[in-house]
């Protein structure tokens, strides 16, 4: 599913940071940095809920990653705080709306997007210096 891997990527980032510095990267410390409750961070990492779009950038900055990686698994070669700059208001609304869609609808949307990307990759993505985590 489109957003199913977010908790796994987020949990892996948090665990990696906690291995280095457990105090700085506790759920409580992350929650203070991002501006949410400790319970909210726990729910994000466990997959019980997902962050609002504006919180992905805050999480990325806190964890030394990128919002594109947390959202889509894309490792980028650009500054961390960039997702909002590349999204139109309409795209941001679509992403927000997707979070409330039932799983069967998300599956259909994923199939449609995969088909469209296989036919003609979007020209605006070709200009970004990105590579997917699986391209290593």
C-alpha atoms as a PDB file:
ATOM      1  CA  UNK A   1       0.000   0.000   0.000  1.00  0.00           C
ATOM      2  CA  UNK A   2       1.024   3.580  -0.568  1.00  0.00           C
ATOM      3  CA  UNK A   3       1.570   4.552   3.069  1.00  0.00           C
ATOM      4  CA  UNK A   4       2.050   1.106   4.663  1.00  0.00           C
ATOM      5  CA  UNK A   5       5.846   1.388   4.806  1.00  0.00           C
ATOM      6  CA  UNK A   6       5.865   4.739   6.634  1.00  0.00           C
ATOM      7  CA  UNK A   7       5.791   3.192  10.142  1.00  0.00           C
ATOM      8  CA  UNK A   8       8.598   0.760   9.253  1.00  0.00           C
ATOM      9  CA  UNK A   9      10.823   3.510   7.832  1.00  0.00           C
ATOM     10  CA  UNK A  10      10.020   5.807  10.748  1.00  0.00           C
ATOM     11  CA  UNK A  11      10.648   3.055  13.316  1.00  0.00           C
ATOM     12  CA  UNK A  12      13.962   2.149  11.660  1.00  0.00           C
ATOM     13  CA  UNK A  13      15.090   5.783  11.737  1.00  0.00           C
ATOM     14  CA  UNK A  14      14.089   6.167  15.395  1.00  0.00           C
ATOM     15  CA  UNK A  15      15.804   2.880  16.385  1.00  0.00           C
ATOM     16  CA  UNK A  16      18.993   3.869  14.536  1.00  0.00           C
ATOM     17  CA  UNK A  17      19.056   7.241  16.293  1.00  0.00           C
ATOM     18  CA  UNK A  18      18.248   5.669  19.689  1.00  0.00           C
ATOM     19  CA  UNK A  19      21.177   3.266  19.253  1.00  0.00           C
ATOM     20  CA  UNK A  20      23.469   6.291  18.910  1.00  0.00           C
ATOM     21  CA  UNK A  21      21.879   8.500  21.576  1.00  0.00           C
ATOM     22  CA  UNK A  22      18.914   7.061  23.504  1.00  0.00           C
ATOM     23  CA  UNK A  23      18.238  10.258  25.459  1.00  0.00           C
ATOM     24  CA  UNK A  24      18.203  12.682  22.531  1.00  0.00           C
ATOM     25  CA  UNK A  25      16.006  10.394  20.435  1.00  0.00           C
ATOM     26  CA  UNK A  26      13.509   9.128  23.018  1.00  0.00           C
ATOM     27  CA  UNK A  27       9.837   9.418  22.073  1.00  0.00           C
ATOM     28  CA  UNK A  28       9.574  12.270  24.571  1.00  0.00           C
ATOM     29  CA  UNK A  29      12.487  14.168  22.995  1.00  0.00           C
ATOM     30  CA  UNK A  30      11.178  13.584  19.469  1.00  0.00           C
ATOM     31  CA  UNK A  31       7.704  14.722  20.538  1.00  0.00           C
ATOM     32  CA  UNK A  32       9.111  17.973  21.953  1.00  0.00           C
ATOM     33  CA  UNK A  33      11.118  18.598  18.782  1.00  0.00           C
ATOM     34  CA  UNK A  34       8.171  17.912  16.479  1.00  0.00           C
ATOM     35  CA  UNK A  35       5.527  19.584  18.652  1.00  0.00           C
ATOM     36  CA  UNK A  36       3.270  16.619  19.388  1.00  0.00           C
ATOM     37  CA  UNK A  37       2.676  14.326  22.358  1.00  0.00           C
ATOM     38  CA  UNK A  38       4.871  11.338  23.193  1.00  0.00           C
ATOM     39  CA  UNK A  39       1.828   9.129  22.582  1.00  0.00           C
ATOM     40  CA  UNK A  40       1.437  10.593  19.080  1.00  0.00           C
ATOM     41  CA  UNK A  41       5.050   9.681  18.237  1.00  0.00           C
ATOM     42  CA  UNK A  42       4.449   6.164  19.579  1.00  0.00           C
ATOM     43  CA  UNK A  43       1.321   5.854  17.390  1.00  0.00           C
ATOM     44  CA  UNK A  44       3.222   7.041  14.297  1.00  0.00           C
ATOM     45  CA  UNK A  45       6.035   4.545  14.850  1.00  0.00           C
ATOM     46  CA  UNK A  46       3.614   1.688  15.562  1.00  0.00           C
ATOM     47  CA  UNK A  47       1.478   2.512  12.526  1.00  0.00           C
ATOM     48  CA  UNK A  48      -1.653   3.273  14.541  1.00  0.00           C
ATOM     49  CA  UNK A  49      -1.808   6.734  12.973  1.00  0.00           C
ATOM     50  CA  UNK A  50       0.106   8.807  10.446  1.00  0.00           C
ATOM     51  CA  UNK A  51       1.555  12.294  10.766  1.00  0.00           C
ATOM     52  CA  UNK A  52      -0.069  15.308   9.154  1.00  0.00           C
ATOM     53  CA  UNK A  53       1.806  16.443   6.058  1.00  0.00           C
ATOM     54  CA  UNK A  54       3.468  19.367   7.848  1.00  0.00           C
ATOM     55  CA  UNK A  55       4.884  17.033  10.524  1.00  0.00           C
ATOM     56  CA  UNK A  56       6.909  14.918   8.057  1.00  0.00           C
ATOM     57  CA  UNK A  57       9.379  17.747   7.545  1.00  0.00           C
ATOM     58  CA  UNK A  58       9.664  18.295  11.301  1.00  0.00           C
ATOM     59  CA  UNK A  59      10.263  14.574  11.820  1.00  0.00           C
ATOM     60  CA  UNK A  60      12.831  14.473   9.050  1.00  0.00           C
ATOM     61  CA  UNK A  61      14.758  17.385  10.516  1.00  0.00           C
ATOM     62  CA  UNK A  62      14.627  15.856  13.998  1.00  0.00           C
ATOM     63  CA  UNK A  63      15.804  12.447  12.744  1.00  0.00           C
ATOM     64  CA  UNK A  64      18.364  13.759  10.251  1.00  0.00           C
ATOM     65  CA  UNK A  65      16.518  12.267   7.300  1.00  0.00           C
ATOM     66  CA  UNK A  66      14.152  13.591   4.660  1.00  0.00           C
ATOM     67  CA  UNK A  67      10.399  13.783   4.412  1.00  0.00           C
ATOM     68  CA  UNK A  68      10.628  12.125   0.996  1.00  0.00           C
ATOM     69  CA  UNK A  69      12.378   9.149   2.569  1.00  0.00           C
ATOM     70  CA  UNK A  70       9.841   8.837   5.392  1.00  0.00           C
ATOM     71  CA  UNK A  71       6.888   9.163   2.991  1.00  0.00           C
ATOM     72  CA  UNK A  72       8.080   7.254  -0.064  1.00  0.00           C
ATOM     73  CA  UNK A  73      11.440   5.603   0.670  1.00  0.00           C
ATOM     74  CA  UNK A  74      13.202   7.986  -1.697  1.00  0.00           C
ATOM     75  CA  UNK A  75      16.740   8.800  -0.694  1.00  0.00           C
ATOM     76  CA  UNK A  76      17.442  12.277  -1.905  1.00  0.00           C
ATOM     77  CA  UNK A  77      20.462  14.374  -2.700  1.00  0.00           C
ATOM     78  CA  UNK A  78      18.864  17.681  -1.758  1.00  0.00           C
ATOM     79  CA  UNK A  79      18.188  19.565   1.480  1.00  0.00           C
ATOM     80  CA  UNK A  80      15.883  17.894   4.002  1.00  0.00           C
ATOM     81  CA  UNK A  81      13.298  20.671   4.161  1.00  0.00           C
ATOM     82  CA  UNK A  82      12.066  20.437   0.569  1.00  0.00           C
ATOM     83  CA  UNK A  83       8.860  18.405   0.249  1.00  0.00           C
ATOM     84  CA  UNK A  84       6.475  21.316   0.725  1.00  0.00           C
ATOM     85  CA  UNK A  85       8.379  23.357  -1.875  1.00  0.00           C
ATOM     86  CA  UNK A  86       7.718  20.714  -4.527  1.00  0.00           C
ATOM     87  CA  UNK A  87       4.055  20.106  -3.711  1.00  0.00           C
ATOM     88  CA  UNK A  88       1.288  22.281  -5.009  1.00  0.00           C
ATOM     89  CA  UNK A  89      -1.635  22.985  -2.688  1.00  0.00           C
ATOM     90  CA  UNK A  90      -3.703  20.542  -4.733  1.00  0.00           C
ATOM     91  CA  UNK A  91      -1.070  17.800  -4.316  1.00  0.00           C
ATOM     92  CA  UNK A  92      -0.891  18.406  -0.571  1.00  0.00           C
ATOM     93  CA  UNK A  93      -4.698  18.102  -0.367  1.00  0.00           C
ATOM     94  CA  UNK A  94      -4.565  14.835  -2.308  1.00  0.00           C
ATOM     95  CA  UNK A  95      -1.962  13.386   0.052  1.00  0.00           C
ATOM     96  CA  UNK A  96      -4.037  14.444   3.055  1.00  0.00           C
ATOM     97  CA  UNK A  97      -7.169  12.905   1.517  1.00  0.00           C
ATOM     98  CA  UNK A  98      -5.381   9.626   0.800  1.00  0.00           C
ATOM     99  CA  UNK A  99      -4.728   9.121   4.493  1.00  0.00           C
ATOM    100  CA  UNK A 100      -8.470   8.772   5.115  1.00  0.00           C
ATOM    101  CA  UNK A 101      -9.184   6.403   2.209  1.00  0.00           C
ATOM    102  CA  UNK A 102     -10.125   2.789   2.918  1.00  0.00           C
ATOM    103  CA  UNK A 103      -7.440   0.186   2.050  1.00  0.00           C
ATOM    104  CA  UNK A 104      -9.289  -1.136  -1.001  1.00  0.00           C
ATOM    105  CA  UNK A 105      -9.427   2.360  -2.503  1.00  0.00           C
ATOM    106  CA  UNK A 106      -5.716   2.920  -1.780  1.00  0.00           C
ATOM    107  CA  UNK A 107      -4.942  -0.363  -3.558  1.00  0.00           C
ATOM    108  CA  UNK A 108      -6.828   0.804  -6.661  1.00  0.00           C
ATOM    109  CA  UNK A 109      -5.073   4.175  -6.575  1.00  0.00           C
ATOM    110  CA  UNK A 110      -1.674   2.462  -6.258  1.00  0.00           C
ATOM    111  CA  UNK A 111      -2.468   0.265  -9.275  1.00  0.00           C
ATOM    112  CA  UNK A 112      -3.509   3.306 -11.279  1.00  0.00           C
ATOM    113  CA  UNK A 113      -0.389   5.281 -10.316  1.00  0.00           C
ATOM    114  CA  UNK A 114       1.895   2.318 -11.073  1.00  0.00           C
ATOM    115  CA  UNK A 115       0.260   1.917 -14.478  1.00  0.00           C
ATOM    116  CA  UNK A 116       0.579   5.629 -15.252  1.00  0.00           C
ATOM    117  CA  UNK A 117       4.225   5.740 -14.171  1.00  0.00           C
ATOM    118  CA  UNK A 118       5.010   2.695 -16.293  1.00  0.00           C
ATOM    119  CA  UNK A 119       3.486   4.436 -19.327  1.00  0.00           C
ATOM    120  CA  UNK A 120       5.072   7.867 -18.963  1.00  0.00           C
ATOM    121  CA  UNK A 121       7.059   8.970 -15.907  1.00  0.00           C
ATOM    122  CA  UNK A 122       6.073  12.479 -14.803  1.00  0.00           C
ATOM    123  CA  UNK A 123       8.461  15.019 -16.298  1.00  0.00           C
ATOM    124  CA  UNK A 124       8.702  16.979 -13.044  1.00  0.00           C
ATOM    125  CA  UNK A 125      10.173  13.936 -11.240  1.00  0.00           C
ATOM    126  CA  UNK A 126      12.876  13.489 -13.851  1.00  0.00           C
ATOM    127  CA  UNK A 127      14.473  16.797 -12.879  1.00  0.00           C
ATOM    128  CA  UNK A 128      14.938  15.844  -9.203  1.00  0.00           C
ATOM    129  CA  UNK A 129      18.274  14.283  -8.243  1.00  0.00           C
ATOM    130  CA  UNK A 130      16.702  11.372  -6.370  1.00  0.00           C
ATOM    131  CA  UNK A 131      17.198   7.651  -6.189  1.00  0.00           C
ATOM    132  CA  UNK A 132      15.001   5.064  -4.540  1.00  0.00           C
ATOM    133  CA  UNK A 133      16.284   3.104  -1.545  1.00  0.00           C
ATOM    134  CA  UNK A 134      16.052  -0.062  -3.669  1.00  0.00           C
ATOM    135  CA  UNK A 135      18.370   1.378  -6.380  1.00  0.00           C
ATOM    136  CA  UNK A 136      21.543   0.967  -4.292  1.00  0.00           C
END
